[in-house]
N, C-alpha and C. Protein backbone atom coordinates (compact mmCIF):
# COMPACT_ATOMS: atom_id res chain seq x y z
N UNK A 1 45.32 64.53 44.01
CA UNK A 1 44.80 65.78 43.50
C UNK A 1 43.29 65.79 43.71
N UNK A 2 42.80 66.79 44.40
CA UNK A 2 41.38 66.89 44.72
C UNK A 2 40.61 67.55 43.58
N UNK A 3 39.36 67.18 43.47
CA UNK A 3 38.48 67.75 42.45
C UNK A 3 37.54 68.74 43.11
N UNK A 4 37.43 69.92 42.51
CA UNK A 4 36.50 70.92 43.00
C UNK A 4 35.10 70.53 42.50
N UNK A 5 34.24 70.09 43.40
CA UNK A 5 32.93 69.55 43.03
C UNK A 5 32.00 70.61 42.44
N UNK A 6 32.09 71.85 42.92
CA UNK A 6 31.20 72.90 42.41
C UNK A 6 31.51 73.21 40.95
N UNK A 7 32.80 73.30 40.63
CA UNK A 7 33.18 73.59 39.25
C UNK A 7 32.87 72.39 38.36
N UNK A 8 33.07 71.19 38.88
CA UNK A 8 32.75 69.99 38.11
C UNK A 8 31.26 69.93 37.79
N UNK A 9 30.41 70.25 38.75
CA UNK A 9 28.96 70.25 38.50
C UNK A 9 28.56 71.30 37.48
N UNK A 10 29.22 72.46 37.51
CA UNK A 10 28.92 73.50 36.53
C UNK A 10 29.30 73.03 35.12
N UNK A 11 30.43 72.35 35.00
CA UNK A 11 30.84 71.82 33.70
C UNK A 11 29.89 70.75 33.20
N UNK A 12 29.42 69.90 34.10
CA UNK A 12 28.46 68.87 33.70
C UNK A 12 27.13 69.48 33.28
N UNK A 13 26.74 70.59 33.91
CA UNK A 13 25.50 71.27 33.50
C UNK A 13 25.62 71.81 32.08
N UNK A 14 26.79 72.36 31.73
CA UNK A 14 27.00 72.82 30.35
C UNK A 14 26.82 71.67 29.37
N UNK A 15 27.40 70.53 29.70
CA UNK A 15 27.33 69.39 28.79
C UNK A 15 25.90 68.85 28.71
N UNK A 16 25.19 68.84 29.83
CA UNK A 16 23.80 68.37 29.82
C UNK A 16 22.93 69.27 28.94
N UNK A 17 23.18 70.58 28.96
CA UNK A 17 22.43 71.48 28.09
C UNK A 17 22.84 71.33 26.63
N UNK A 18 24.09 70.95 26.37
CA UNK A 18 24.57 70.83 24.99
C UNK A 18 24.02 69.59 24.30
N UNK A 19 23.83 68.50 25.03
CA UNK A 19 23.43 67.24 24.40
C UNK A 19 22.10 67.32 23.64
N UNK A 20 21.03 67.88 24.21
CA UNK A 20 19.80 67.95 23.40
C UNK A 20 19.94 68.88 22.20
N UNK A 21 20.77 69.92 22.36
CA UNK A 21 20.95 70.84 21.24
C UNK A 21 21.68 70.19 20.08
N UNK A 22 22.50 69.16 20.37
CA UNK A 22 23.17 68.43 19.30
C UNK A 22 22.17 67.72 18.39
N UNK A 23 21.02 67.37 18.90
CA UNK A 23 20.00 66.70 18.10
C UNK A 23 18.99 67.70 17.53
N UNK A 24 18.68 68.75 18.28
CA UNK A 24 17.68 69.72 17.83
C UNK A 24 18.21 70.54 16.65
N UNK A 25 19.46 70.98 16.72
CA UNK A 25 20.04 71.82 15.66
C UNK A 25 20.00 71.17 14.29
N UNK A 26 20.58 69.98 14.12
CA UNK A 26 20.52 69.34 12.79
C UNK A 26 19.10 69.00 12.34
N UNK A 27 18.21 68.72 13.29
CA UNK A 27 16.82 68.45 12.92
C UNK A 27 16.16 69.69 12.33
N UNK A 28 16.43 70.85 12.94
CA UNK A 28 15.87 72.10 12.42
C UNK A 28 16.48 72.43 11.06
N UNK A 29 17.78 72.20 10.90
CA UNK A 29 18.43 72.46 9.61
C UNK A 29 17.84 71.55 8.53
N UNK A 30 17.67 70.27 8.84
CA UNK A 30 17.11 69.33 7.87
C UNK A 30 15.67 69.72 7.52
N UNK A 31 14.92 70.16 8.51
CA UNK A 31 13.54 70.59 8.26
C UNK A 31 13.50 71.81 7.35
N UNK A 32 14.44 72.72 7.52
CA UNK A 32 14.45 73.91 6.67
C UNK A 32 14.81 73.54 5.23
N UNK A 33 15.73 72.59 5.03
CA UNK A 33 16.08 72.20 3.67
C UNK A 33 14.97 71.39 2.99
N UNK A 34 14.09 70.78 3.75
CA UNK A 34 12.94 70.10 3.16
C UNK A 34 11.91 71.10 2.64
N UNK A 35 11.91 72.32 3.18
CA UNK A 35 10.92 73.33 2.82
C UNK A 35 11.62 74.54 2.21
N UNK A 36 12.38 74.33 1.14
CA UNK A 36 13.14 75.44 0.55
C UNK A 36 12.24 76.48 -0.11
N UNK A 37 11.05 76.12 -0.51
CA UNK A 37 10.15 77.07 -1.14
C UNK A 37 9.36 77.92 -0.16
N UNK A 38 9.43 77.60 1.09
CA UNK A 38 8.66 78.31 2.12
C UNK A 38 9.32 79.66 2.41
N UNK A 39 8.52 80.71 2.71
CA UNK A 39 9.12 82.02 2.99
C UNK A 39 9.98 82.05 4.25
N UNK A 40 9.79 81.12 5.16
CA UNK A 40 10.59 81.10 6.39
C UNK A 40 11.81 80.19 6.27
N UNK A 41 12.23 79.86 5.05
CA UNK A 41 13.37 78.97 4.86
C UNK A 41 14.63 79.57 5.48
N UNK A 42 14.94 80.80 5.17
CA UNK A 42 16.18 81.43 5.66
C UNK A 42 16.15 81.62 7.18
N UNK A 43 15.06 82.13 7.79
CA UNK A 43 15.07 82.26 9.25
C UNK A 43 15.18 80.92 9.98
N UNK A 44 14.53 79.89 9.47
CA UNK A 44 14.60 78.58 10.12
C UNK A 44 16.00 77.99 9.95
N UNK A 45 16.60 78.18 8.80
CA UNK A 45 17.97 77.72 8.58
C UNK A 45 18.93 78.45 9.52
N UNK A 46 18.75 79.76 9.66
CA UNK A 46 19.58 80.52 10.58
C UNK A 46 19.41 80.06 12.02
N UNK A 47 18.19 79.77 12.40
CA UNK A 47 17.93 79.27 13.76
C UNK A 47 18.62 77.93 13.99
N UNK A 48 18.57 77.06 13.00
CA UNK A 48 19.24 75.77 13.12
C UNK A 48 20.75 75.91 13.23
N UNK A 49 21.31 76.83 12.47
CA UNK A 49 22.76 77.07 12.54
C UNK A 49 23.13 77.65 13.90
N UNK A 50 22.32 78.55 14.42
CA UNK A 50 22.60 79.14 15.74
C UNK A 50 22.52 78.07 16.82
N UNK A 51 21.52 77.21 16.75
CA UNK A 51 21.38 76.14 17.76
C UNK A 51 22.56 75.19 17.69
N UNK A 52 22.98 74.83 16.48
CA UNK A 52 24.12 73.92 16.35
C UNK A 52 25.41 74.55 16.87
N UNK A 53 25.60 75.82 16.56
CA UNK A 53 26.79 76.53 17.05
C UNK A 53 26.77 76.63 18.57
N UNK A 54 25.61 76.92 19.12
CA UNK A 54 25.48 77.01 20.58
C UNK A 54 25.80 75.67 21.25
N UNK A 55 25.39 74.58 20.62
CA UNK A 55 25.68 73.27 21.22
C UNK A 55 27.18 72.99 21.25
N UNK A 56 27.89 73.37 20.20
CA UNK A 56 29.34 73.17 20.18
C UNK A 56 30.01 74.05 21.21
N UNK A 57 29.56 75.29 21.34
CA UNK A 57 30.14 76.21 22.33
C UNK A 57 29.90 75.71 23.74
N UNK A 58 28.69 75.25 24.02
CA UNK A 58 28.39 74.74 25.36
C UNK A 58 29.20 73.49 25.69
N UNK A 59 29.37 72.62 24.70
CA UNK A 59 30.17 71.42 24.94
C UNK A 59 31.62 71.80 25.23
N UNK A 60 32.16 72.72 24.46
CA UNK A 60 33.54 73.16 24.68
C UNK A 60 33.70 73.80 26.05
N UNK A 61 32.77 74.67 26.41
CA UNK A 61 32.85 75.31 27.73
C UNK A 61 32.72 74.29 28.85
N UNK A 62 31.88 73.29 28.65
CA UNK A 62 31.73 72.25 29.66
C UNK A 62 33.01 71.45 29.84
N UNK A 63 33.64 71.09 28.73
CA UNK A 63 34.89 70.34 28.83
C UNK A 63 36.00 71.17 29.46
N UNK A 64 36.08 72.44 29.10
CA UNK A 64 37.10 73.32 29.70
C UNK A 64 36.84 73.47 31.19
N UNK A 65 35.59 73.63 31.59
CA UNK A 65 35.25 73.78 33.00
C UNK A 65 35.57 72.51 33.78
N UNK A 66 35.30 71.36 33.19
CA UNK A 66 35.63 70.10 33.86
C UNK A 66 37.14 69.96 34.02
N UNK A 67 37.88 70.34 33.00
CA UNK A 67 39.34 70.26 33.10
C UNK A 67 39.87 71.23 34.16
N UNK A 68 39.23 72.38 34.30
CA UNK A 68 39.64 73.32 35.36
C UNK A 68 39.34 72.76 36.74
N UNK A 69 38.28 71.99 36.85
CA UNK A 69 37.95 71.42 38.16
C UNK A 69 38.96 70.35 38.56
N UNK A 70 39.59 69.73 37.58
CA UNK A 70 40.58 68.69 37.87
C UNK A 70 41.91 69.27 38.35
N UNK A 71 42.22 70.48 37.89
CA UNK A 71 43.49 71.10 38.30
C UNK A 71 43.22 72.12 39.40
N UNK A 72 44.24 72.48 40.11
CA UNK A 72 44.11 73.45 41.20
C UNK A 72 44.47 74.83 40.69
N UNK A 73 43.48 75.55 40.16
CA UNK A 73 43.72 76.91 39.69
C UNK A 73 42.90 77.88 40.48
């Protein structure tokens, strides 16, 4: 069974973009909880949640894309 290299590379790019976001998202969330009295607490918390959600979505899309490259579709 042959692997489609272009689709495999696209899946790996998704995962490469997701990995730093896995560390940035929780760091931003932790930083927002350290500053609960600050007026930007809610926007920074929202940004951290968005970054963390984006990292999970990118990882999932990367894995799905890699699995598609393994099969002949």
